[in-house]
Protein backbone atom coordinates (compact mmCIF):
# COMPACT_ATOMS: atom_id res chain seq x y z
CA MET A 1 6.76 -10.40 12.34
CA LYS A 2 3.09 -11.11 11.32
CA LEU A 3 2.12 -12.00 8.09
CA HIS A 4 -0.93 -10.31 6.39
CA ASN A 5 -2.85 -10.22 3.42
CA ALA A 6 -4.50 -7.05 1.68
CA MET A 7 -8.32 -7.51 1.14
CA TRP A 8 -8.22 -4.61 -1.40
CA PRO A 9 -7.23 -7.03 -4.13
CA GLY A 10 -10.94 -7.84 -4.40
CA LEU A 11 -11.87 -4.33 -5.35
CA VAL A 12 -9.47 -2.24 -7.20
CA GLY A 13 -10.03 -2.32 -10.79
CA LYS A 14 -13.10 -4.70 -10.12
CA GLY A 15 -16.76 -2.81 -10.85
CA THR A 16 -19.44 -3.04 -13.20
CA ASP A 17 -18.51 -1.02 -16.04
CA GLU A 18 -17.80 -3.14 -19.54
CA GLY A 19 -14.81 -5.06 -18.84
CA GLN A 20 -14.72 -5.26 -15.54
CA GLU A 21 -15.04 -8.22 -13.37
CA PRO A 22 -17.24 -7.95 -10.32
CA PRO A 23 -15.61 -7.32 -6.90
CA ILE A 24 -14.99 -10.33 -4.50
CA SER A 25 -16.84 -9.42 -1.29
CA LEU A 26 -14.89 -8.88 2.28
CA GLU A 27 -16.33 -12.26 3.45
CA LYS A 28 -15.19 -14.41 0.29
CA MET A 29 -11.52 -12.69 0.70
CA LEU A 30 -11.35 -13.26 4.44
CA ASP A 31 -12.28 -17.13 3.56
CA LEU A 32 -9.77 -17.35 0.72
CA THR A 33 -7.21 -15.79 3.34
CA ALA A 34 -8.37 -17.87 6.04
CA ALA A 35 -7.79 -21.29 3.60
CA ALA A 36 -4.07 -20.55 3.01
CA GLU A 37 -1.49 -23.15 4.99
CA VAL A 38 1.96 -23.97 4.50
CA ASN A 39 3.29 -26.15 6.88
CA GLY A 40 1.29 -25.39 9.65
CA GLN A 41 1.70 -21.57 8.78
CA LYS A 42 -1.89 -19.33 8.33
CA PHE A 43 -1.86 -15.57 7.77
CA ASP A 44 -1.86 -13.54 11.05
CA GLY A 45 -3.78 -10.71 9.88
CA ILE A 46 -5.41 -8.49 7.07
CA ASP A 47 -4.85 -5.18 5.48
CA TYR A 48 -8.01 -3.05 5.12
CA PHE A 49 -9.37 -1.09 2.54
CA LEU A 50 -12.26 1.40 4.31
CA PHE A 51 -14.64 1.88 1.27
CA LEU A 52 -17.67 0.09 -0.19
CA PRO A 53 -18.26 -2.63 -0.75
CA HIS A 54 -16.50 -3.86 1.74
CA THR A 55 -17.12 -0.96 4.27
CA ASN A 56 -19.63 1.79 4.60
CA PRO A 57 -17.62 4.70 5.96
CA GLU A 58 -20.37 6.13 7.34
CA ALA A 59 -21.06 3.12 9.31
CA SER A 60 -22.11 3.47 12.93
CA ASP A 61 -19.67 2.28 15.62
CA ASP A 62 -22.00 -1.03 16.13
CA GLU A 63 -21.56 -1.56 12.58
CA LEU A 64 -17.81 -1.12 12.46
CA ARG A 65 -17.41 -3.41 15.79
CA GLN A 66 -19.46 -6.24 13.88
CA ILE A 67 -17.01 -6.27 11.10
CA ALA A 68 -14.24 -6.21 13.48
CA ASP A 69 -15.67 -9.23 15.27
CA LEU A 70 -15.86 -11.02 11.58
CA ILE A 71 -12.47 -10.37 10.97
CA GLN A 72 -11.47 -11.99 14.36
CA SER A 73 -13.37 -14.80 13.65
CA LYS A 74 -11.50 -15.79 10.90
CA GLY A 75 -8.40 -15.87 13.39
CA PHE A 76 -7.40 -12.49 12.01
CA ALA A 77 -6.04 -9.28 13.53
CA VAL A 78 -6.27 -5.95 11.32
CA GLY A 79 -3.21 -4.27 10.62
CA SER A 80 -3.13 -1.14 8.06
CA LEU A 81 -5.94 0.72 6.91
CA VAL A 82 -6.36 2.47 3.45
CA ALA A 83 -8.37 5.75 3.83
CA PRO A 84 -10.25 6.44 0.96
CA VAL A 85 -8.71 9.91 -0.21
CA TRP A 86 -9.67 9.48 -3.80
CA PRO A 87 -12.15 11.45 -5.96
CA GLY A 88 -15.41 9.62 -6.21
CA THR A 89 -14.52 7.82 -2.54
CA ILE A 90 -14.89 10.65 0.41
CA GLY A 91 -11.92 12.58 -0.74
CA ASP A 92 -10.18 14.51 -3.16
CA SER A 93 -7.02 15.68 -4.45
CA ALA A 94 -3.87 16.84 -2.09
CA MET A 95 -3.04 18.79 -4.67
CA GLY A 96 -6.07 20.67 -5.28
CA THR A 97 -8.73 23.47 -4.21
CA ALA A 98 -9.35 24.29 -0.80
CA GLU A 99 -12.62 22.25 -0.81
CA GLN A 100 -10.78 19.55 -2.49
CA ARG A 101 -7.98 19.34 0.31
CA GLU A 102 -10.85 19.29 2.83
CA LYS A 103 -12.32 16.44 1.16
CA PHE A 104 -9.11 14.60 1.65
CA LEU A 105 -8.39 15.55 5.22
CA SER A 106 -12.44 14.35 5.87
CA ALA A 107 -11.27 11.01 4.56
CA VAL A 108 -8.37 11.16 7.02
CA LYS A 109 -10.11 11.71 9.75
CA MET A 110 -12.92 9.04 8.65
CA ALA A 111 -10.18 6.57 8.68
CA CYS A 112 -8.74 7.70 11.82
CA ARG A 113 -11.98 6.86 13.31
CA VAL A 114 -12.33 3.64 12.34
CA ALA A 115 -8.99 2.72 13.53
CA GLY A 116 -9.89 3.90 16.85
CA ILE A 117 -12.51 1.64 16.67
CA PHE A 118 -10.94 -1.49 15.88
CA ASP A 119 -7.81 -0.51 18.44
CA ASN A 120 -10.10 -0.03 21.15
CA HIS A 121 -11.84 -3.92 20.01
CA GLY A 122 -8.62 -5.12 20.18
CA VAL A 123 -8.67 -6.59 16.57
CA ARG A 124 -5.95 -4.06 15.75
CA LYS A 125 -2.76 -3.38 17.44
CA TYR A 126 -0.54 -2.34 14.98
CA GLY A 127 -0.48 -0.98 11.62
CA VAL A 128 -0.58 2.35 10.04
CA ILE A 129 -2.92 4.14 7.80
CA ARG A 130 -2.27 4.76 4.00
CA ILE A 131 -2.79 7.69 1.67
CA ASP A 132 -1.35 9.13 -1.25
CA SER A 133 -1.60 12.15 -2.99
CA ALA A 134 -5.05 11.51 -4.79
CA GLU A 135 -3.91 13.58 -7.99
CA PHE A 136 -4.14 11.06 -10.66
CA GLY A 137 -1.37 11.25 -13.33
CA VAL A 138 1.98 13.86 -13.39
CA GLU A 139 0.92 16.07 -16.11
CA LYS A 140 -1.16 18.79 -14.14
CA TRP A 141 1.69 18.25 -11.45
CA LYS A 142 4.60 19.09 -14.26
CA GLU A 143 3.05 22.57 -14.72
CA ASN A 144 4.72 23.83 -11.65
CA PRO A 145 6.19 21.14 -9.89
CA SER A 146 7.92 22.94 -6.98
CA ALA A 147 4.21 24.49 -6.38
CA ASN A 148 2.31 21.44 -6.44
CA THR A 149 4.95 19.56 -4.25
CA ALA A 150 4.58 22.27 -1.61
CA GLN A 151 0.63 22.14 -1.78
CA ILE A 152 0.46 18.25 -1.47
CA ALA A 153 3.36 18.55 1.56
CA ALA A 154 0.78 21.40 3.41
CA THR A 155 -2.04 18.91 2.82
CA PHE A 156 -0.17 16.07 4.00
CA LYS A 157 0.92 18.30 7.38
CA GLU A 158 -2.51 19.00 7.82
CA ALA A 159 -3.42 15.07 7.57
CA ALA A 160 -0.11 14.18 9.98
CA LYS A 161 -1.73 16.53 12.82
CA ILE A 162 -5.09 14.81 12.66
CA ALA A 163 -3.51 11.43 12.52
CA ALA A 164 -1.13 12.16 15.35
CA ASP A 165 -4.14 13.54 17.41
CA HIS A 166 -5.60 9.81 17.00
CA GLY A 167 -2.69 8.30 18.18
CA GLN A 168 -2.22 7.18 14.27
CA ARG A 169 0.20 7.17 12.07
CA LEU A 170 0.19 8.09 8.17
CA ALA A 171 1.94 6.26 5.44
CA ALA A 172 2.42 7.76 1.77
CA GLU A 173 2.70 4.99 -0.59
CA GLY A 174 5.04 5.55 -3.49
CA GLU A 175 3.58 4.25 -6.78
CA ILE A 176 3.94 5.98 -10.41
CA CYS A 177 0.15 7.17 -11.20
CA TRP A 178 0.23 9.65 -7.99
CA ALA A 179 1.78 13.09 -8.88
CA GLY A 180 4.56 14.06 -6.41
CA MET A 181 4.95 10.67 -5.59
CA HIS A 182 6.00 9.42 -9.03
CA SER A 183 9.40 8.74 -8.63
CA TRP A 184 11.96 7.91 -5.79
CA LYS A 185 13.31 11.57 -5.80
CA ASP A 186 10.23 13.11 -6.12
CA MET A 187 8.52 10.96 -3.14
CA LEU A 188 11.73 11.74 -0.99
CA ASP A 189 11.19 15.76 -1.86
CA LEU A 190 7.89 15.24 -0.56
CA LEU A 191 8.66 13.33 2.74
CA GLU A 192 10.95 15.89 3.52
CA ALA A 193 9.14 18.83 2.82
CA VAL A 194 6.33 17.39 5.09
CA GLY A 195 9.22 16.68 7.52
CA MET A 196 6.95 14.93 10.01
CA PRO A 197 8.79 11.55 10.24
CA GLU A 198 7.07 10.56 13.77
CA SER A 199 3.52 11.08 12.12
CA LEU A 200 3.90 10.39 8.17
CA GLY A 201 6.16 7.99 6.61
CA PHE A 202 6.39 5.90 3.71
CA GLN A 203 4.94 2.84 2.16
CA ALA A 204 7.43 0.48 0.12
CA ASP A 205 5.41 -1.70 -2.50
CA LEU A 206 8.03 -3.91 -4.08
CA ALA A 207 6.46 -3.82 -7.52
CA HIS A 208 5.46 0.06 -7.64
CA THR A 209 9.53 0.51 -6.55
CA TYR A 210 10.55 -1.52 -9.13
CA LEU A 211 9.45 1.14 -11.66
CA TYR A 212 10.82 3.66 -9.43
CA LEU A 213 14.42 2.35 -10.66
CA MET A 214 13.20 2.50 -14.38
CA GLY A 215 12.44 6.13 -13.86
CA TYR A 216 8.83 5.56 -15.83
CA ASN A 217 7.01 8.81 -15.02
CA ALA A 218 10.48 10.61 -14.39
CA ALA A 219 13.22 9.37 -16.95
CA GLU A 220 15.80 11.74 -15.32
CA HIS A 221 15.28 9.91 -11.82
CA ALA A 222 15.77 6.47 -13.69
CA LEU A 223 18.55 4.72 -11.98
CA LEU A 224 18.77 1.69 -14.31
CA GLN A 225 18.51 1.07 -17.91
CA PRO A 226 16.64 -1.79 -20.05
CA GLY A 227 19.54 -4.61 -20.02
CA TYR A 228 20.68 -3.93 -16.82
CA SER A 229 22.84 -6.74 -15.14
CA ASP A 230 22.25 -8.20 -11.70
CA GLU A 231 24.97 -6.05 -10.11
CA GLU A 232 23.66 -2.62 -11.88
CA PHE A 233 20.63 -3.64 -10.44
CA TYR A 234 21.24 -4.44 -6.98
CA ALA A 235 23.85 -1.26 -7.05
CA ALA A 236 21.04 0.94 -8.06
CA TYR A 237 18.11 -0.93 -5.61
CA GLU A 238 20.60 -0.09 -2.63
CA LYS A 239 20.89 3.45 -3.69
CA MET A 240 17.00 3.70 -3.69
CA THR A 241 16.36 2.11 -0.64
CA ASP A 242 19.27 3.81 1.41
CA LYS A 243 17.01 7.47 0.40
CA LEU A 244 13.57 5.74 1.53
CA ARG A 245 14.35 3.11 3.85
CA PRO A 246 14.59 5.50 6.75
CA TRP A 247 11.09 7.02 5.93
CA THR A 248 9.55 3.24 5.39
CA ILE A 249 7.16 2.46 8.04
CA ASP A 250 4.81 0.19 6.10
CA PHE A 251 5.95 -2.82 3.66
CA HIS A 252 4.23 -4.72 0.88
CA VAL A 253 5.53 -7.68 -0.57
CA ALA A 254 4.60 -7.98 -4.36
CA GLN A 255 5.92 -9.19 -7.46
CA ASN A 256 6.10 -7.01 -10.74
CA ASP A 257 7.40 -8.05 -14.25
CA GLY A 258 8.31 -4.63 -15.54
CA GLU A 259 4.96 -3.49 -17.34
CA VAL A 260 2.37 -0.99 -16.66
CA HIS A 261 -1.25 -2.32 -16.07
CA GLY A 262 -4.39 -0.84 -15.02
CA ALA A 263 -8.25 -1.24 -14.91
CA GLY A 264 -11.08 1.13 -14.33
CA SER A 265 -10.18 4.03 -12.49
CA HIS A 266 -7.17 3.15 -11.28
CA ASP A 267 -4.79 2.83 -14.42
CA LYS A 268 -0.88 3.03 -15.60
CA THR A 269 0.47 1.60 -12.51
CA GLY A 270 3.16 -0.75 -11.33
CA LYS A 271 1.80 -4.39 -12.29
CA HIS A 272 1.47 -6.68 -9.56
CA CYS A 273 2.18 -10.46 -10.79
CA PRO A 274 1.72 -13.74 -8.58
CA ALA A 275 4.36 -14.87 -6.39
CA ASP A 276 5.67 -17.47 -8.66
CA ASP A 277 5.09 -15.65 -11.88
CA PRO A 278 7.89 -16.79 -14.48
CA ASN A 279 8.39 -12.69 -16.08
CA GLY A 280 8.87 -11.68 -12.62
CA LYS A 281 11.71 -8.98 -12.44
CA LEU A 282 12.05 -9.56 -8.68
CA ASP A 283 14.11 -11.83 -5.89
CA ILE A 284 11.52 -11.19 -3.90
CA VAL A 285 13.14 -12.41 -0.76
CA ARG A 286 16.17 -10.36 -1.35
CA CYS A 287 14.81 -7.23 -2.58
CA ALA A 288 12.37 -7.53 0.47
CA SER A 289 15.23 -7.26 2.90
CA TYR A 290 16.81 -3.94 1.68
CA TRP A 291 13.44 -2.60 2.88
CA LEU A 292 13.29 -4.23 5.93
CA LYS A 293 16.77 -3.89 7.25
CA ASP A 294 16.51 -2.59 11.14
CA ALA A 295 12.24 -2.93 10.14
CA SER A 296 11.50 -3.27 14.19
CA SER A 297 13.33 0.51 14.67
CA ARG A 298 10.50 1.84 12.49
CA GLY A 299 7.98 0.36 14.45
CA ILE A 300 6.96 -2.36 11.62
CA GLN A 301 5.42 -5.12 13.45
CA HIS A 302 3.66 -6.97 9.97
CA ILE A 303 4.44 -7.27 6.38
CA CYS A 304 1.46 -7.56 3.88
CA TRP A 305 1.01 -9.05 0.59
CA ASP A 306 -0.23 -6.74 -2.45
CA GLY A 307 -1.53 -8.45 -5.45
CA CYS A 308 -3.93 -6.07 -7.29
CA MET A 309 -5.37 -6.24 -10.97
CA PHE A 310 -5.21 -10.13 -10.54
CA PRO A 311 -8.09 -11.85 -12.32
CA ASN A 312 -10.79 -13.15 -10.17
CA ALA A 313 -10.09 -16.82 -11.25
CA THR A 314 -6.41 -16.38 -9.73
CA LEU A 315 -8.06 -14.62 -6.66
CA GLU A 316 -10.27 -17.79 -6.29
CA ASP A 317 -7.79 -20.32 -6.59
CA PRO A 318 -6.49 -21.66 -3.18
CA LYS A 319 -2.91 -22.15 -4.90
CA THR A 320 -2.20 -18.38 -5.40
CA TRP A 321 -2.78 -18.04 -1.84
CA ASN A 322 -0.57 -20.97 -0.65
CA THR A 323 2.26 -19.88 -2.85
CA ILE A 324 1.71 -16.14 -1.66
CA LEU A 325 1.94 -17.61 2.11
CA ASP A 326 5.12 -19.62 1.33
CA THR A 327 6.89 -16.40 -0.36
CA MET A 328 5.55 -14.54 3.03
CA ILE A 329 7.08 -16.98 5.10
CA LYS A 330 10.03 -16.84 3.02
CA VAL A 331 10.63 -13.03 3.24
CA ARG A 332 10.48 -13.35 7.15
CA ASP A 333 12.69 -16.21 7.91
CA ALA A 334 15.03 -14.74 5.82
CA ASN A 335 15.35 -11.38 7.94
CA THR A 336 15.94 -13.17 10.99
CA SER A 337 15.14 -9.99 13.06
CA LEU A 338 11.54 -10.27 11.95
CA VAL A 339 10.99 -14.02 13.39
């Protein structure tokens, strides 16, 4: 099982607006990742966001191959890719008008093109393309839940067909900020409505799925109440993972302190915390084992750390990455089938 680091924490929530920190370049993120080492183990690769300023989505084949060369020169493979499906990037709402949905599909086509170039280059041999509904917040969805989930599912079916035609798989990331994906039950309903598990599955993130348990944006689907015991927690965790694990084809190791956080346009979502955060709610190694049971049978060949919304000072501290890498090694080694 390969250990990857995500490049998008250098971008998500960063920008030029008041109160935002500047983005961290791709090369700087690669160098920070490459410097990490624990008992001779280093990161094996990176997962990659396909948008500016790390990548011009209109880049030529040659420019993309140069990026692949750069990544490979740091000793890394590329795993999963993030399609720029959101308004303001290439895409737009999967729940929106015909024009908006076409933009969403255009982002998937673009991501499949880049994936193919990386695959042919040799820097990428595994991984998925990550999507979500690109419909921010749940209020509009709640106006007609069944019809809106059906609309998202129809868009996802078209996207899955595109991916399959390119030899790729899509993974929808469960996160409380995305309409129709904002609770474990609504996420499961959407996956079942698409019904194309060979082409479209689930990307589980430890931080985001913790808030599924608490029913943050869907109290009716809460599996835990504040003040829960360890026994109650793991009973609820097993219930959630048993439902979503069969769909899970990509996995993010993360920590969460139970708070909701955001910056810039990426707001009100699960707060990622440092791996050793004293306020972390999760036993990362134990919780990961619920998701990673039989991982190889679902085609999972790597796991990736996700730590969005960290201050730049944290991201640029070498200790941060050594602690994360140490945690990733423990996750891998505790799941003996992954070693």
